[in-house]
């Protein structure tokens, strides 16, 4: 039983780190989209950022986030959405 709980906790930690990394990657896509003058590249990066947004929002519901990580995830998603909307890119 202890082994099962330890495995679950490890999976939860790894899942949380994956979500954080995916969110950081999406914010990088937004940064690249802001810096380019190429409309197609901008759209492609925004699409990738929206895809990451959707993935993180969906998977975050399946991970047992502690209070600090849950707050960070909500703030990160809100920031990502705001930056994408500021770029004028629909979801």
Protein backbone atom coordinates (compact mmCIF):
# COMPACT_ATOMS: atom_id res chain seq x y z
CA UNK A 1 0.00 0.00 0.00
CA UNK A 2 2.84 2.40 0.85
CA UNK A 3 4.41 1.62 -2.50
CA UNK A 4 1.18 2.49 -4.29
CA UNK A 5 0.89 5.80 -2.44
CA UNK A 6 4.51 6.63 -3.19
CA UNK A 7 3.97 5.86 -6.88
CA UNK A 8 0.87 8.04 -6.94
CA UNK A 9 2.70 10.92 -5.28
CA UNK A 10 5.60 10.59 -7.71
CA UNK A 11 3.22 10.55 -10.68
CA UNK A 12 1.49 13.63 -9.32
CA UNK A 13 4.81 15.48 -8.92
CA UNK A 14 5.89 14.56 -12.44
CA UNK A 15 2.48 15.57 -13.85
CA UNK A 16 2.68 18.92 -12.06
CA UNK A 17 6.15 19.57 -13.48
CA UNK A 18 4.92 18.63 -16.96
CA UNK A 19 2.07 21.12 -16.69
CA UNK A 20 4.43 23.87 -15.52
CA UNK A 21 6.80 23.15 -18.39
CA UNK A 22 3.97 23.09 -20.94
CA UNK A 23 2.74 26.44 -19.63
CA UNK A 24 6.24 27.93 -19.88
CA UNK A 25 6.55 26.60 -23.43
CA UNK A 26 3.24 28.19 -24.38
CA UNK A 27 4.40 31.53 -23.00
CA UNK A 28 7.55 31.17 -25.10
CA UNK A 29 5.38 30.66 -28.19
CA UNK A 30 3.57 33.90 -27.32
CA UNK A 31 6.89 35.72 -26.94
CA UNK A 32 8.03 34.48 -30.34
CA UNK A 33 4.68 35.46 -31.88
CA UNK A 34 5.11 39.00 -30.54
CA UNK A 35 8.58 39.34 -32.00
CA UNK A 36 7.89 38.21 -35.56
CA UNK A 37 6.63 40.22 -38.49
CA UNK A 38 5.74 37.03 -40.36
CA UNK A 39 1.98 36.63 -40.13
CA UNK A 40 2.06 32.87 -40.75
CA UNK A 41 4.71 32.30 -38.10
CA UNK A 42 2.73 34.42 -35.67
CA UNK A 43 -0.45 32.39 -36.31
CA UNK A 44 1.42 29.10 -36.01
CA UNK A 45 2.95 30.10 -32.67
CA UNK A 46 -0.37 31.35 -31.35
CA UNK A 47 -2.06 28.09 -32.38
CA UNK A 48 0.64 26.15 -30.55
CA UNK A 49 0.16 28.34 -27.47
CA UNK A 50 -3.63 27.83 -27.54
CA UNK A 51 -3.14 24.09 -27.89
CA UNK A 52 -0.87 24.11 -24.84
CA UNK A 53 -3.41 26.26 -22.98
CA UNK A 54 -6.17 23.76 -23.71
CA UNK A 55 -3.97 20.83 -22.72
CA UNK A 56 -2.87 22.37 -19.43
CA UNK A 57 -6.41 23.47 -18.55
CA UNK A 58 -7.73 19.97 -19.24
CA UNK A 59 -4.98 18.00 -17.53
CA UNK A 60 -4.74 20.29 -14.50
CA UNK A 61 -8.18 19.03 -13.49
CA UNK A 62 -6.81 15.48 -13.35
CA UNK A 63 -3.76 16.29 -11.22
CA UNK A 64 -3.95 16.75 -7.48
CA UNK A 65 -2.35 20.20 -7.27
CA UNK A 66 -1.46 21.55 -3.87
CA UNK A 67 -2.61 25.06 -2.99
CA UNK A 68 0.57 26.75 -4.22
CA UNK A 69 0.75 24.82 -7.50
CA UNK A 70 -2.97 25.23 -8.12
CA UNK A 71 -2.70 28.99 -7.67
CA UNK A 72 0.38 29.17 -9.91
CA UNK A 73 -1.42 27.13 -12.58
CA UNK A 74 -4.50 29.37 -12.51
CA UNK A 75 -2.38 32.52 -12.68
CA UNK A 76 -0.25 31.11 -15.49
CA UNK A 77 -3.29 30.10 -17.52
CA UNK A 78 -4.89 33.50 -16.97
CA UNK A 79 -1.69 35.25 -18.06
CA UNK A 80 -1.37 33.05 -21.14
CA UNK A 81 -4.98 33.63 -22.15
CA UNK A 82 -4.67 37.39 -21.63
CA UNK A 83 -1.50 37.57 -23.71
CA UNK A 84 -3.05 35.55 -26.53
CA UNK A 85 -6.17 37.71 -26.50
CA UNK A 86 -3.98 40.82 -26.51
CA UNK A 87 -2.36 39.49 -29.68
CA UNK A 88 -5.87 39.28 -31.11
CA UNK A 89 -5.73 35.54 -31.58
CA UNK A 90 -9.02 33.70 -31.03
CA UNK A 91 -8.99 30.37 -29.24
